[in-house]
């Protein structure tokens, strides 16, 4: 499916300004350029273009709210200046599996002051001596390169996944559900205890009746013997 059709499909009768996340992975770009994405996507925060055949970023529009851009498994080898010009608030950029060979091709990223995470897995540039030190020196604003910080500490799962508001809401909901379940379990336990108490009382009554019957028959037998 070509990129234009895929964009139309992903809109699902929404206007572009209503879209916050757009995933176009594995569709086909025309002439190696981005298509169907315009400045009308003014509230877009996440854009994923994995394996779409891109060779250039020339077609990307100005998206001031975009924070995360996934471009892995394409054929991009340079031209990152356009990102610094049009994606000024970008914080996470994945360029894994592209054609970057030299550190110099990444220099335009210095103009992205909010950039915190950069991935370059499976790019030739990662084979250079002192690759990590060179990138952190070139881009001092970075916190993570290929998932690790300058001290080789791995990024936590929560790092770089938005502001976490939705996750917190889900956790609160899960917590409330858990508390409700606990209350229900306690009620069940109390009910079971009451049932057990009732059963114990019934058992005591039965034992009392049996003892009385045994005593009655014994007395009756003794009386017959006496007569």
C-alpha atoms as a PDB file:
ATOM      1  CA  UNK A   1       0.000   0.000   0.000  1.00  0.00           C
ATOM      2  CA  UNK A   2       1.372   3.435  -0.852  1.00  0.00           C
ATOM      3  CA  UNK A   3       1.834   6.050   1.841  1.00  0.00           C
ATOM      4  CA  UNK A   4      -0.973   8.359   0.735  1.00  0.00           C
ATOM      5  CA  UNK A   5      -3.563   5.590   0.966  1.00  0.00           C
ATOM      6  CA  UNK A   6      -2.187   4.434   4.292  1.00  0.00           C
ATOM      7  CA  UNK A   7      -2.476   7.945   5.747  1.00  0.00           C
ATOM      8  CA  UNK A   8      -6.103   8.145   4.622  1.00  0.00           C
ATOM      9  CA  UNK A   9      -6.795   4.756   6.175  1.00  0.00           C
ATOM     10  CA  UNK A  10      -5.188   5.695   9.499  1.00  0.00           C
ATOM     11  CA  UNK A  11      -7.221   8.892   9.760  1.00  0.00           C
ATOM     12  CA  UNK A  12     -10.412   6.840  10.294  1.00  0.00           C
ATOM     13  CA  UNK A  13     -12.707   9.772   9.482  1.00  0.00           C
ATOM     14  CA  UNK A  14     -10.777  12.103  11.801  1.00  0.00           C
ATOM     15  CA  UNK A  15      -9.300  15.429  10.804  1.00  0.00           C
ATOM     16  CA  UNK A  16      -5.468  15.545  10.763  1.00  0.00           C
ATOM     17  CA  UNK A  17      -5.435  17.944  13.717  1.00  0.00           C
ATOM     18  CA  UNK A  18      -7.126  15.293  15.881  1.00  0.00           C
ATOM     19  CA  UNK A  19      -4.325  12.766  15.382  1.00  0.00           C
ATOM     20  CA  UNK A  20      -1.656  12.506  18.083  1.00  0.00           C
ATOM     21  CA  UNK A  21       0.025   9.293  16.936  1.00  0.00           C
ATOM     22  CA  UNK A  22       0.438   8.075  13.360  1.00  0.00           C
ATOM     23  CA  UNK A  23       1.894   4.662  12.485  1.00  0.00           C
ATOM     24  CA  UNK A  24       2.660   4.050   8.800  1.00  0.00           C
ATOM     25  CA  UNK A  25       5.127   1.171   9.099  1.00  0.00           C
ATOM     26  CA  UNK A  26       5.771  -1.052   6.055  1.00  0.00           C
ATOM     27  CA  UNK A  27       3.855   1.034   3.522  1.00  0.00           C
ATOM     28  CA  UNK A  28       5.630   2.354   0.392  1.00  0.00           C
ATOM     29  CA  UNK A  29       6.868   5.902  -0.123  1.00  0.00           C
ATOM     30  CA  UNK A  30       6.974   7.417  -3.609  1.00  0.00           C
ATOM     31  CA  UNK A  31      10.488   8.214  -4.859  1.00  0.00           C
ATOM     32  CA  UNK A  32      11.876   7.600  -1.378  1.00  0.00           C
ATOM     33  CA  UNK A  33      10.131  10.659   0.064  1.00  0.00           C
ATOM     34  CA  UNK A  34       7.423  11.189   2.640  1.00  0.00           C
ATOM     35  CA  UNK A  35       3.879  11.607   1.286  1.00  0.00           C
ATOM     36  CA  UNK A  36       0.459  12.427   2.675  1.00  0.00           C
ATOM     37  CA  UNK A  37       1.716  14.070   5.866  1.00  0.00           C
ATOM     38  CA  UNK A  38       1.190  17.816   5.999  1.00  0.00           C
ATOM     39  CA  UNK A  39       1.303  20.666   8.501  1.00  0.00           C
ATOM     40  CA  UNK A  40      -2.381  19.964   9.125  1.00  0.00           C
ATOM     41  CA  UNK A  41      -1.196  17.260  11.546  1.00  0.00           C
ATOM     42  CA  UNK A  42      -0.551  20.093  13.974  1.00  0.00           C
ATOM     43  CA  UNK A  43      -1.001  18.026  17.152  1.00  0.00           C
ATOM     44  CA  UNK A  44       0.993  15.002  16.050  1.00  0.00           C
ATOM     45  CA  UNK A  45       3.389  13.817  18.780  1.00  0.00           C
ATOM     46  CA  UNK A  46       4.466  10.382  17.531  1.00  0.00           C
ATOM     47  CA  UNK A  47       5.226   9.436  13.917  1.00  0.00           C
ATOM     48  CA  UNK A  48       6.413   5.970  12.924  1.00  0.00           C
ATOM     49  CA  UNK A  49       7.786   5.316   9.429  1.00  0.00           C
ATOM     50  CA  UNK A  50       9.596   2.011   9.840  1.00  0.00           C
ATOM     51  CA  UNK A  51      10.620   0.227   6.632  1.00  0.00           C
ATOM     52  CA  UNK A  52       8.830   2.492   4.162  1.00  0.00           C
ATOM     53  CA  UNK A  53      11.686   2.937   1.680  1.00  0.00           C
ATOM     54  CA  UNK A  54      12.682   6.488   2.612  1.00  0.00           C
ATOM     55  CA  UNK A  55      15.931   7.830   1.181  1.00  0.00           C
ATOM     56  CA  UNK A  56      15.346  11.486   2.039  1.00  0.00           C
ATOM     57  CA  UNK A  57      13.661  13.582   4.728  1.00  0.00           C
ATOM     58  CA  UNK A  58      12.899  16.407   2.320  1.00  0.00           C
ATOM     59  CA  UNK A  59       9.144  15.786   2.394  1.00  0.00           C
ATOM     60  CA  UNK A  60       8.633  16.125   6.120  1.00  0.00           C
ATOM     61  CA  UNK A  61       6.447  19.127   7.086  1.00  0.00           C
ATOM     62  CA  UNK A  62       6.836  21.454  10.028  1.00  0.00           C
ATOM     63  CA  UNK A  63       5.420  19.637  13.058  1.00  0.00           C
ATOM     64  CA  UNK A  64       6.060  21.691  16.180  1.00  0.00           C
ATOM     65  CA  UNK A  65       4.548  19.180  18.611  1.00  0.00           C
ATOM     66  CA  UNK A  66       6.264  16.067  17.289  1.00  0.00           C
ATOM     67  CA  UNK A  67       8.336  14.429  20.025  1.00  0.00           C
ATOM     68  CA  UNK A  68       9.071  10.928  18.764  1.00  0.00           C
ATOM     69  CA  UNK A  69      10.114   9.961  15.220  1.00  0.00           C
ATOM     70  CA  UNK A  70      10.708   6.334  14.199  1.00  0.00           C
ATOM     71  CA  UNK A  71      12.694   5.990  10.944  1.00  0.00           C
ATOM     72  CA  UNK A  72      14.403   2.625  11.351  1.00  0.00           C
ATOM     73  CA  UNK A  73      15.060   0.234   8.448  1.00  0.00           C
ATOM     74  CA  UNK A  74      15.050   2.824   5.684  1.00  0.00           C
ATOM     75  CA  UNK A  75      17.827   4.011   3.339  1.00  0.00           C
ATOM     76  CA  UNK A  76      18.528   7.475   4.687  1.00  0.00           C
ATOM     77  CA  UNK A  77      22.184   8.536   4.557  1.00  0.00           C
ATOM     78  CA  UNK A  78      22.044  12.273   5.308  1.00  0.00           C
ATOM     79  CA  UNK A  79      19.955  15.396   4.964  1.00  0.00           C
ATOM     80  CA  UNK A  80      19.096  15.648   8.645  1.00  0.00           C
ATOM     81  CA  UNK A  81      19.170  19.441   8.512  1.00  0.00           C
ATOM     82  CA  UNK A  82      15.465  19.400   7.704  1.00  0.00           C
ATOM     83  CA  UNK A  83      14.717  17.730  11.043  1.00  0.00           C
ATOM     84  CA  UNK A  84      16.387  20.549  12.947  1.00  0.00           C
ATOM     85  CA  UNK A  85      14.414  23.097  10.942  1.00  0.00           C
ATOM     86  CA  UNK A  86      10.955  21.509  11.105  1.00  0.00           C
ATOM     87  CA  UNK A  87      10.864  19.310  14.224  1.00  0.00           C
ATOM     88  CA  UNK A  88      12.146  21.734  16.828  1.00  0.00           C
ATOM     89  CA  UNK A  89      10.710  19.860  19.840  1.00  0.00           C
ATOM     90  CA  UNK A  90      11.860  16.371  18.880  1.00  0.00           C
ATOM     91  CA  UNK A  91      13.041  14.341  21.898  1.00  0.00           C
ATOM     92  CA  UNK A  92      13.379  10.794  20.511  1.00  0.00           C
ATOM     93  CA  UNK A  93      14.815   9.813  17.137  1.00  0.00           C
ATOM     94  CA  UNK A  94      15.331   6.261  15.874  1.00  0.00           C
ATOM     95  CA  UNK A  95      17.592   5.986  12.807  1.00  0.00           C
ATOM     96  CA  UNK A  96      18.516   2.316  13.241  1.00  0.00           C
ATOM     97  CA  UNK A  97      19.166   0.289  10.100  1.00  0.00           C
ATOM     98  CA  UNK A  98      19.866   3.270   7.840  1.00  0.00           C
ATOM     99  CA  UNK A  99      22.950   4.253   5.798  1.00  0.00           C
ATOM    100  CA  UNK A 100      24.813   6.623   8.087  1.00  0.00           C
ATOM    101  CA  UNK A 101      28.560   6.065   7.807  1.00  0.00           C
ATOM    102  CA  UNK A 102      30.198   9.172   9.274  1.00  0.00           C
ATOM    103  CA  UNK A 103      29.787  11.149  12.466  1.00  0.00           C
ATOM    104  CA  UNK A 104      29.649  14.340  10.405  1.00  0.00           C
ATOM    105  CA  UNK A 105      26.320  13.316   8.845  1.00  0.00           C
ATOM    106  CA  UNK A 106      24.768  13.562  12.311  1.00  0.00           C
ATOM    107  CA  UNK A 107      25.993  17.089  13.071  1.00  0.00           C
ATOM    108  CA  UNK A 108      22.650  18.742  12.140  1.00  0.00           C
ATOM    109  CA  UNK A 109      21.145  17.061  15.204  1.00  0.00           C
ATOM    110  CA  UNK A 110      23.069  19.546  17.353  1.00  0.00           C
ATOM    111  CA  UNK A 111      20.295  22.003  16.513  1.00  0.00           C
ATOM    112  CA  UNK A 112      17.695  19.859  18.271  1.00  0.00           C
ATOM    113  CA  UNK A 113      18.058  21.077  21.868  1.00  0.00           C
ATOM    114  CA  UNK A 114      15.307  18.789  23.222  1.00  0.00           C
ATOM    115  CA  UNK A 115      16.762  15.579  21.748  1.00  0.00           C
ATOM    116  CA  UNK A 116      17.280  13.084  24.576  1.00  0.00           C
ATOM    117  CA  UNK A 117      17.351   9.693  22.892  1.00  0.00           C
ATOM    118  CA  UNK A 118      19.020   8.614  19.621  1.00  0.00           C
ATOM    119  CA  UNK A 119      19.185   5.101  18.173  1.00  0.00           C
ATOM    120  CA  UNK A 120      21.657   4.134  15.447  1.00  0.00           C
ATOM    121  CA  UNK A 121      21.686   0.335  15.696  1.00  0.00           C
ATOM    122  CA  UNK A 122      22.830  -1.430  12.528  1.00  0.00           C
ATOM    123  CA  UNK A 123      24.223   1.738  10.968  1.00  0.00           C
ATOM    124  CA  UNK A 124      27.828   1.646   9.724  1.00  0.00           C
ATOM    125  CA  UNK A 125      28.697   4.619  11.889  1.00  0.00           C
ATOM    126  CA  UNK A 126      28.464   2.406  14.969  1.00  0.00           C
ATOM    127  CA  UNK A 127      31.573   0.511  13.807  1.00  0.00           C
ATOM    128  CA  UNK A 128      33.811   3.579  14.135  1.00  0.00           C
ATOM    129  CA  UNK A 129      36.370   3.735  16.905  1.00  0.00           C
ATOM    130  CA  UNK A 130      35.145   5.708  19.921  1.00  0.00           C
ATOM    131  CA  UNK A 131      31.693   5.864  18.332  1.00  0.00           C
ATOM    132  CA  UNK A 132      29.798   6.395  21.581  1.00  0.00           C
ATOM    133  CA  UNK A 133      32.202   8.947  23.013  1.00  0.00           C
ATOM    134  CA  UNK A 134      32.153  10.854  19.735  1.00  0.00           C
ATOM    135  CA  UNK A 135      28.359  10.999  19.590  1.00  0.00           C
ATOM    136  CA  UNK A 136      27.970  12.125  23.200  1.00  0.00           C
ATOM    137  CA  UNK A 137      30.586  14.797  22.586  1.00  0.00           C
ATOM    138  CA  UNK A 138      28.858  15.933  19.392  1.00  0.00           C
ATOM    139  CA  UNK A 139      25.402  15.920  20.984  1.00  0.00           C
ATOM    140  CA  UNK A 140      25.777  16.881  24.655  1.00  0.00           C
ATOM    141  CA  UNK A 141      22.008  17.226  25.030  1.00  0.00           C
ATOM    142  CA  UNK A 142      21.620  13.441  24.601  1.00  0.00           C
ATOM    143  CA  UNK A 143      20.750  11.292  27.597  1.00  0.00           C
ATOM    144  CA  UNK A 144      20.632   7.931  25.797  1.00  0.00           C
ATOM    145  CA  UNK A 145      22.420   6.549  22.758  1.00  0.00           C
ATOM    146  CA  UNK A 146      21.207   3.151  21.573  1.00  0.00           C
ATOM    147  CA  UNK A 147      19.366   2.705  24.864  1.00  0.00           C
ATOM    148  CA  UNK A 148      22.295   3.475  27.199  1.00  0.00           C
ATOM    149  CA  UNK A 149      23.553   6.651  28.824  1.00  0.00           C
ATOM    150  CA  UNK A 150      27.132   7.927  28.811  1.00  0.00           C
ATOM    151  CA  UNK A 151      27.917   5.652  31.787  1.00  0.00           C
ATOM    152  CA  UNK A 152      26.495   2.581  30.027  1.00  0.00           C
ATOM    153  CA  UNK A 153      23.412   2.482  32.207  1.00  0.00           C
ATOM    154  CA  UNK A 154      20.363   1.156  30.412  1.00  0.00           C
ATOM    155  CA  UNK A 155      17.309   3.348  29.965  1.00  0.00           C
ATOM    156  CA  UNK A 156      14.346   2.353  32.106  1.00  0.00           C
ATOM    157  CA  UNK A 157      11.102   1.283  30.458  1.00  0.00           C
ATOM    158  CA  UNK A 158       9.449   4.548  31.464  1.00  0.00           C
ATOM    159  CA  UNK A 159      12.135   6.720  29.865  1.00  0.00           C
ATOM    160  CA  UNK A 160      11.054   8.459  26.695  1.00  0.00           C
ATOM    161  CA  UNK A 161       7.515   7.153  26.548  1.00  0.00           C
ATOM    162  CA  UNK A 162       5.666  10.445  26.896  1.00  0.00           C
ATOM    163  CA  UNK A 163       4.575  12.170  30.100  1.00  0.00           C
ATOM    164  CA  UNK A 164       3.092   9.021  31.599  1.00  0.00           C
ATOM    165  CA  UNK A 165      -0.318  10.593  32.320  1.00  0.00           C
ATOM    166  CA  UNK A 166      -2.261   7.778  30.666  1.00  0.00           C
ATOM    167  CA  UNK A 167      -0.142   5.149  32.396  1.00  0.00           C
ATOM    168  CA  UNK A 168      -0.771   6.748  35.768  1.00  0.00           C
ATOM    169  CA  UNK A 169      -4.488   6.809  35.066  1.00  0.00           C
ATOM    170  CA  UNK A 170      -4.414   3.142  34.149  1.00  0.00           C
ATOM    171  CA  UNK A 171      -2.424   2.322  37.284  1.00  0.00           C
ATOM    172  CA  UNK A 172      -4.933   4.205  39.438  1.00  0.00           C
ATOM    173  CA  UNK A 173      -7.783   2.330  37.778  1.00  0.00           C
ATOM    174  CA  UNK A 174      -6.014  -0.978  38.291  1.00  0.00           C
ATOM    175  CA  UNK A 175      -5.381  -0.058  41.929  1.00  0.00           C
ATOM    176  CA  UNK A 176      -9.068   0.711  42.499  1.00  0.00           C
ATOM    177  CA  UNK A 177     -10.068  -2.545  40.828  1.00  0.00           C
ATOM    178  CA  UNK A 178      -7.592  -4.415  43.020  1.00  0.00           C
ATOM    179  CA  UNK A 179      -8.987  -2.791  46.164  1.00  0.00           C
ATOM    180  CA  UNK A 180     -12.521  -3.721  45.108  1.00  0.00           C
ATOM    181  CA  UNK A 181     -11.400  -7.309  44.551  1.00  0.00           C
ATOM    182  CA  UNK A 182      -9.785  -7.361  47.986  1.00  0.00           C
ATOM    183  CA  UNK A 183     -13.010  -6.110  49.601  1.00  0.00           C
ATOM    184  CA  UNK A 184     -15.003  -8.770  47.755  1.00  0.00           C
ATOM    185  CA  UNK A 185     -12.533 -11.447  48.890  1.00  0.00           C
ATOM    186  CA  UNK A 186     -12.857 -10.256  52.492  1.00  0.00           C
ATOM    187  CA  UNK A 187     -16.651 -10.415  52.259  1.00  0.00           C
ATOM    188  CA  UNK A 188     -16.403 -13.951  50.882  1.00  0.00           C
ATOM    189  CA  UNK A 189     -14.108 -14.962  53.744  1.00  0.00           C
ATOM    190  CA  UNK A 190     -16.510 -13.515  56.327  1.00  0.00           C
ATOM    191  CA  UNK A 191     -19.396 -15.338  54.662  1.00  0.00           C
ATOM    192  CA  UNK A 192     -17.410 -18.564  54.699  1.00  0.00           C
ATOM    193  CA  UNK A 193     -16.581 -18.048  58.386  1.00  0.00           C
ATOM    194  CA  UNK A 194     -20.274 -17.496  59.132  1.00  0.00           C
ATOM    195  CA  UNK A 195     -21.128 -20.684  57.252  1.00  0.00           C
ATOM    196  CA  UNK A 196     -18.471 -22.552  59.197  1.00  0.00           C
ATOM    197  CA  UNK A 197     -19.871 -21.192  62.484  1.00  0.00           C
ATOM    198  CA  UNK A 198     -23.370 -22.287  61.457  1.00  0.00           C
ATOM    199  CA  UNK A 199     -22.049 -25.736  60.528  1.00  0.00           C
ATOM    200  CA  UNK A 200     -20.269 -26.002  63.891  1.00  0.00           C
ATOM    201  CA  UNK A 201     -23.445 -25.058  65.731  1.00  0.00           C
ATOM    202  CA  UNK A 202     -25.422 -27.654  63.771  1.00  0.00           C
ATOM    203  CA  UNK A 203     -22.795 -30.282  64.593  1.00  0.00           C
ATOM    204  CA  UNK A 204     -23.038 -29.476  68.296  1.00  0.00           C
ATOM    205  CA  UNK A 205     -26.829 -29.800  68.216  1.00  0.00           C
ATOM    206  CA  UNK A 206     -26.599 -33.161  66.442  1.00  0.00           C
ATOM    207  CA  UNK A 207     -24.060 -34.440  68.945  1.00  0.00           C
ATOM    208  CA  UNK A 208     -26.283 -33.318  71.821  1.00  0.00           C
ATOM    209  CA  UNK A 209     -29.303 -35.106  70.328  1.00  0.00           C
ATOM    210  CA  UNK A 210     -27.309 -38.310  69.788  1.00  0.00           C
ATOM    211  CA  UNK A 211     -26.027 -38.224  73.360  1.00  0.00           C
ATOM    212  CA  UNK A 212     -29.576 -37.745  74.644  1.00  0.00           C
ATOM    213  CA  UNK A 213     -30.858 -40.657  72.562  1.00  0.00           C
ATOM    214  CA  UNK A 214     -28.014 -42.868  73.717  1.00  0.00           C
ATOM    215  CA  UNK A 215     -28.717 -41.979  77.319  1.00  0.00           C
ATOM    216  CA  UNK A 216     -32.481 -42.622  76.829  1.00  0.00           C
ATOM    217  CA  UNK A 217     -31.979 -46.052  75.293  1.00  0.00           C
ATOM    218  CA  UNK A 218     -29.473 -46.999  77.974  1.00  0.00           C
ATOM    219  CA  UNK A 219     -31.895 -46.074  80.734  1.00  0.00           C
ATOM    220  CA  UNK A 220     -34.697 -47.936  78.966  1.00  0.00           C
ATOM    221  CA  UNK A 221     -32.526 -51.037  78.703  1.00  0.00           C
ATOM    222  CA  UNK A 222     -31.553 -50.848  82.376  1.00  0.00           C
ATOM    223  CA  UNK A 223     -35.193 -50.479  83.335  1.00  0.00           C
ATOM    224  CA  UNK A 224     -36.185 -53.635  81.414  1.00  0.00           C
ATOM    225  CA  UNK A 225     -33.396 -55.563  83.082  1.00  0.00           C
ATOM    226  CA  UNK A 226     -34.593 -54.430  86.452  1.00  0.00           C
ATOM    227  CA  UNK A 227     -38.188 -55.511  85.715  1.00  0.00           C
END
